[in-house]
C-alpha atoms as a PDB file:
ATOM      1  CA  MET A   1     112.084 -12.364 127.113  1.00  0.00           C
ATOM      2  CA  SER A   2     111.174 -10.452 130.253  1.00  0.00           C
ATOM      3  CA  ASN A   3     112.967  -7.406 128.825  1.00  0.00           C
ATOM      4  CA  PHE A   4     110.559  -7.391 125.892  1.00  0.00           C
ATOM      5  CA  SER A   5     107.610  -7.790 128.246  1.00  0.00           C
ATOM      6  CA  ASP A   6     108.865  -4.890 130.346  1.00  0.00           C
ATOM      7  CA  PHE A   7     109.333  -2.802 127.231  1.00  0.00           C
ATOM      8  CA  MET A   8     105.779  -3.545 126.071  1.00  0.00           C
ATOM      9  CA  LYS A   9     104.316  -2.670 129.468  1.00  0.00           C
ATOM     10  CA  GLU A  10     106.192   0.639 129.551  1.00  0.00           C
ATOM     11  CA  SER A  11     105.213   1.378 125.950  1.00  0.00           C
ATOM     12  CA  ASN A  12     101.556   0.655 126.673  1.00  0.00           C
ATOM     13  CA  GLN A  13     101.665   2.873 129.771  1.00  0.00           C
ATOM     14  CA  ARG A  14     103.152   5.745 127.759  1.00  0.00           C
ATOM     15  CA  ASN A  15     100.519   5.291 125.033  1.00  0.00           C
ATOM     16  CA  SER A  16      97.757   5.165 127.641  1.00  0.00           C
ATOM     17  CA  GLU A  17      98.982   8.362 129.286  1.00  0.00           C
ATOM     18  CA  SER A  18      99.305  10.054 125.886  1.00  0.00           C
ATOM     19  CA  ASP A  19      95.772   8.978 125.001  1.00  0.00           C
ATOM     20  CA  LYS A  20      94.469  10.432 128.290  1.00  0.00           C
ATOM     21  CA  VAL A  21      96.138  13.763 127.561  1.00  0.00           C
ATOM     22  CA  LYS A  22      94.681  13.814 124.037  1.00  0.00           C
ATOM     23  CA  THR A  23      91.244  12.926 125.360  1.00  0.00           C
ATOM     24  CA  ASN A  24      91.413  15.661 127.990  1.00  0.00           C
ATOM     25  CA  GLN A  25      92.531  18.182 125.384  1.00  0.00           C
ATOM     26  CA  GLU A  26      89.700  17.131 123.075  1.00  0.00           C
ATOM     27  CA  MET A  27      87.194  17.437 125.901  1.00  0.00           C
ATOM     28  CA  GLU A  28      88.430  20.908 126.811  1.00  0.00           C
ATOM     29  CA  LYS A  29      88.164  21.938 123.177  1.00  0.00           C
ATOM     30  CA  MET A  30      84.576  20.648 123.008  1.00  0.00           C
ATOM     31  CA  ILE A  31      83.658  22.413 126.250  1.00  0.00           C
ATOM     32  CA  ASP A  32      85.039  25.681 124.883  1.00  0.00           C
ATOM     33  CA  GLN A  33      83.164  25.185 121.618  1.00  0.00           C
ATOM     34  CA  TYR A  34      79.823  24.408 123.248  1.00  0.00           C
ATOM     35  CA  SER A  35      80.048  26.873 126.127  1.00  0.00           C
ATOM     36  CA  ALA A  36      79.520  29.752 123.694  1.00  0.00           C
ATOM     37  CA  LEU A  37      76.176  28.341 122.529  1.00  0.00           C
ATOM     38  CA  SER A  38      72.798  29.395 123.851  1.00  0.00           C
ATOM     39  CA  GLU A  39      70.581  26.781 125.481  1.00  0.00           C
ATOM     40  CA  ASN A  40      68.496  26.490 122.316  1.00  0.00           C
ATOM     41  CA  GLU A  41      71.594  26.133 120.113  1.00  0.00           C
ATOM     42  CA  LEU A  42      73.015  23.562 122.501  1.00  0.00           C
ATOM     43  CA  MET A  43      69.832  21.470 122.413  1.00  0.00           C
ATOM     44  CA  GLN A  44      69.722  21.652 118.599  1.00  0.00           C
ATOM     45  CA  GLU A  45      73.359  20.528 118.429  1.00  0.00           C
ATOM     46  CA  PHE A  46      72.675  17.661 120.863  1.00  0.00           C
ATOM     47  CA  ILE A  47      69.741  16.472 118.742  1.00  0.00           C
ATOM     48  CA  LYS A  48      71.706  16.806 115.488  1.00  0.00           C
ATOM     49  CA  LYS A  49      74.752  14.907 116.805  1.00  0.00           C
ATOM     50  CA  THR A  50      72.696  12.250 118.552  1.00  0.00           C
ATOM     51  CA  VAL A  51      70.510  11.529 115.534  1.00  0.00           C
ATOM     52  CA  GLU A  52      73.631  11.406 113.351  1.00  0.00           C
ATOM     53  CA  GLN A  53      75.277   8.911 115.720  1.00  0.00           C
ATOM     54  CA  LYS A  54      72.146   6.747 115.843  1.00  0.00           C
ATOM     55  CA  ARG A  55      71.810   6.666 112.067  1.00  0.00           C
ATOM     56  CA  ASN A  56      75.469   5.707 111.706  1.00  0.00           C
ATOM     57  CA  GLY A  57      74.998   2.852 114.189  1.00  0.00           C
ATOM     58  CA  ARG A  58      77.350   4.347 116.773  1.00  0.00           C
ATOM     59  CA  LEU A  59      74.670   5.015 119.371  1.00  0.00           C
ATOM     60  CA  ASN A  60      71.492   3.198 120.370  1.00  0.00           C
ATOM     61  CA  SER A  61      68.693   3.909 122.813  1.00  0.00           C
ATOM     62  CA  GLU A  62      70.227   1.782 125.558  1.00  0.00           C
ATOM     63  CA  GLU A  63      73.541   3.641 125.334  1.00  0.00           C
ATOM     64  CA  LEU A  64      71.722   6.942 125.306  1.00  0.00           C
ATOM     65  CA  ASN A  65      69.811   5.977 128.450  1.00  0.00           C
ATOM     66  CA  ASN A  66      73.096   4.942 130.096  1.00  0.00           C
ATOM     67  CA  ILE A  67      74.554   8.367 129.300  1.00  0.00           C
ATOM     68  CA  LYS A  68      71.414   9.974 130.728  1.00  0.00           C
ATOM     69  CA  SER A  69      71.737   8.004 133.968  1.00  0.00           C
ATOM     70  CA  LYS A  70      75.327   9.200 134.367  1.00  0.00           C
ATOM     71  CA  ILE A  71      74.487  12.836 133.667  1.00  0.00           C
ATOM     72  CA  SER A  72      71.190  13.081 135.588  1.00  0.00           C
ATOM     73  CA  PRO A  73      72.654  13.259 139.120  1.00  0.00           C
ATOM     74  CA  MET A  74      74.592  16.390 138.135  1.00  0.00           C
ATOM     75  CA  LEU A  75      71.513  18.253 136.888  1.00  0.00           C
ATOM     76  CA  ASN A  76      68.751  20.126 138.636  1.00  0.00           C
ATOM     77  CA  ASP A  77      65.071  19.232 138.170  1.00  0.00           C
ATOM     78  CA  GLU A  78      64.518  21.592 135.253  1.00  0.00           C
ATOM     79  CA  GLN A  79      67.637  20.363 133.458  1.00  0.00           C
ATOM     80  CA  ASN A  80      66.626  16.748 134.020  1.00  0.00           C
ATOM     81  CA  LYS A  81      63.205  17.461 132.576  1.00  0.00           C
ATOM     82  CA  LYS A  82      64.771  18.967 129.445  1.00  0.00           C
ATOM     83  CA  LEU A  83      67.222  16.090 129.162  1.00  0.00           C
ATOM     84  CA  ASN A  84      64.356  13.586 129.401  1.00  0.00           C
ATOM     85  CA  GLU A  85      62.464  15.442 126.662  1.00  0.00           C
ATOM     86  CA  LEU A  86      65.536  15.410 124.421  1.00  0.00           C
ATOM     87  CA  ILE A  87      66.168  11.724 125.040  1.00  0.00           C
ATOM     88  CA  MET A  88      62.563  10.864 124.201  1.00  0.00           C
ATOM     89  CA  MET A  89      62.774  12.895 120.974  1.00  0.00           C
ATOM     90  CA  VAL A  90      65.962  11.254 119.750  1.00  0.00           C
ATOM     91  CA  ASN A  91      64.912   7.766 120.897  1.00  0.00           C
ATOM     92  CA  GLY A  92      62.017   8.064 118.460  1.00  0.00           C
ATOM     93  CA  VAL A  93      64.439   8.546 115.548  1.00  0.00           C
ATOM     94  CA  GLU A  94      65.806   5.486 113.843  1.00  0.00           C
END
């Protein structure tokens, strides 16, 4: 039975590594897609996607605030101010 356990562990590791590669590729694709947008277009896209996620029940205000707390340290004061404004706008949408 340990052979089966070993096989499952190896299989899960391969799947996990494959998932990481896919996730990284998807992230790079998104970065490329969004890097071409102006600041205004980027903010509009953020609002659109966030509102869509909230309406579909895949994102709530608490999760949005958690995302904000992870991103905030990487931003300057002006960027943080804009992020806070965006978060307040989309938190008001149900």
